[in-house]
C-alpha atoms as a PDB file:
ATOM      1  CA  MET A   1     232.457 -19.986  59.464  1.00  0.00           C
ATOM      2  CA  ASP A   2     235.402 -18.935  57.365  1.00  0.00           C
ATOM      3  CA  SER A   3     233.871 -15.506  56.826  1.00  0.00           C
ATOM      4  CA  LEU A   4     233.770 -14.881  60.586  1.00  0.00           C
ATOM      5  CA  ILE A   5     237.545 -15.182  60.681  1.00  0.00           C
ATOM      6  CA  PHE A   6     237.675 -12.043  58.534  1.00  0.00           C
ATOM      7  CA  LEU A   7     234.606 -10.185  59.771  1.00  0.00           C
ATOM      8  CA  ILE A   8     235.314 -10.245  63.525  1.00  0.00           C
ATOM      9  CA  PRO A   9     238.778  -8.617  63.294  1.00  0.00           C
ATOM     10  CA  ILE A  10     237.459  -6.049  60.821  1.00  0.00           C
ATOM     11  CA  ALA A  11     234.581  -5.190  63.166  1.00  0.00           C
ATOM     12  CA  LEU A  12     236.936  -4.910  66.142  1.00  0.00           C
ATOM     13  CA  PHE A  13     239.326  -2.731  64.149  1.00  0.00           C
ATOM     14  CA  LEU A  14     236.541  -0.379  63.041  1.00  0.00           C
ATOM     15  CA  GLY A  15     235.230  -0.225  66.603  1.00  0.00           C
ATOM     16  CA  LEU A  16     238.669   0.761  67.878  1.00  0.00           C
ATOM     17  CA  ILE A  17     238.918   3.456  65.222  1.00  0.00           C
ATOM     18  CA  GLY A  18     235.537   4.824  66.306  1.00  0.00           C
ATOM     19  CA  LEU A  19     236.520   4.732  69.964  1.00  0.00           C
ATOM     20  CA  GLY A  20     239.793   6.475  69.168  1.00  0.00           C
ATOM     21  CA  ALA A  21     237.980   9.207  67.232  1.00  0.00           C
ATOM     22  CA  PHE A  22     235.547   9.718  70.103  1.00  0.00           C
ATOM     23  CA  LEU A  23     238.311   9.919  72.700  1.00  0.00           C
ATOM     24  CA  TRP A  24     240.246  12.348  70.499  1.00  0.00           C
ATOM     25  CA  SER A  25     237.189  14.579  70.170  1.00  0.00           C
ATOM     26  CA  MET A  26     236.673  14.570  73.933  1.00  0.00           C
ATOM     27  CA  ARG A  27     240.309  15.488  74.601  1.00  0.00           C
ATOM     28  CA  THR A  28     240.357  18.329  72.103  1.00  0.00           C
ATOM     29  CA  GLY A  29     237.155  19.897  73.454  1.00  0.00           C
ATOM     30  CA  GLN A  30     234.877  19.321  70.491  1.00  0.00           C
ATOM     31  CA  TYR A  31     231.847  18.957  72.789  1.00  0.00           C
ATOM     32  CA  ASP A  32     232.598  21.841  75.167  1.00  0.00           C
ATOM     33  CA  ASP A  33     230.108  24.346  73.752  1.00  0.00           C
ATOM     34  CA  LEU A  34     227.177  22.632  72.059  1.00  0.00           C
ATOM     35  CA  ASP A  35     224.794  25.609  72.165  1.00  0.00           C
ATOM     36  CA  GLY A  36     227.239  28.372  71.313  1.00  0.00           C
ATOM     37  CA  ALA A  37     227.131  27.985  67.549  1.00  0.00           C
ATOM     38  CA  SER A  38     223.345  28.089  67.427  1.00  0.00           C
ATOM     39  CA  TYR A  39     223.210  31.197  69.612  1.00  0.00           C
ATOM     40  CA  ARG A  40     225.916  32.903  67.575  1.00  0.00           C
ATOM     41  CA  ALA A  41     223.950  32.285  64.407  1.00  0.00           C
ATOM     42  CA  LEU A  42     220.816  33.776  65.941  1.00  0.00           C
ATOM     43  CA  PHE A  43     222.548  36.785  67.451  1.00  0.00           C
ATOM     44  CA  GLU A  44     224.483  37.480  64.289  1.00  0.00           C
ATOM     45  CA  GLU A  45     221.275  37.547  62.281  1.00  0.00           C
ATOM     46  CA  ASP A  46     219.701  39.958  64.765  1.00  0.00           C
ATOM     47  CA  GLU A  47     222.696  42.275  64.554  1.00  0.00           C
ATOM     48  CA  ILE A  48     222.529  42.287  60.752  1.00  0.00           C
ATOM     49  CA  GLU A  49     218.837  43.194  60.839  1.00  0.00           C
ATOM     50  CA  LYS A  50     219.508  46.041  63.289  1.00  0.00           C
ATOM     51  CA  ASP A  51     222.249  47.389  61.031  1.00  0.00           C
ATOM     52  CA  GLN A  52     219.919  47.268  58.023  1.00  0.00           C
ATOM     53  CA  GLU A  53     217.213  49.155  59.943  1.00  0.00           C
ATOM     54  CA  LYS A  54     219.736  51.816  60.927  1.00  0.00           C
ATOM     55  CA  ASP A  55     220.754  52.221  57.296  1.00  0.00           C
ATOM     56  CA  LYS A  56     217.128  52.652  56.200  1.00  0.00           C
ATOM     57  CA  THR A  57     216.329  55.256  58.849  1.00  0.00           C
ATOM     58  CA  GLY A  58     219.621  57.071  58.412  1.00  0.00           C
ATOM     59  CA  LYS A  59     220.462  57.155  62.114  1.00  0.00           C
END
């Protein structure tokens, strides 16, 4: 029982830290564009391949 006196406040404190981090991320827009990074990676790769093909053909 004595250990619960320490564990419950620690668990509540860690939960509040997690909730605070989540609320901060929502306010700063961290979840606004979930698909953008994956599309940018794909499109960037396609553009690099097109540039390499242009260099090979000389056009």
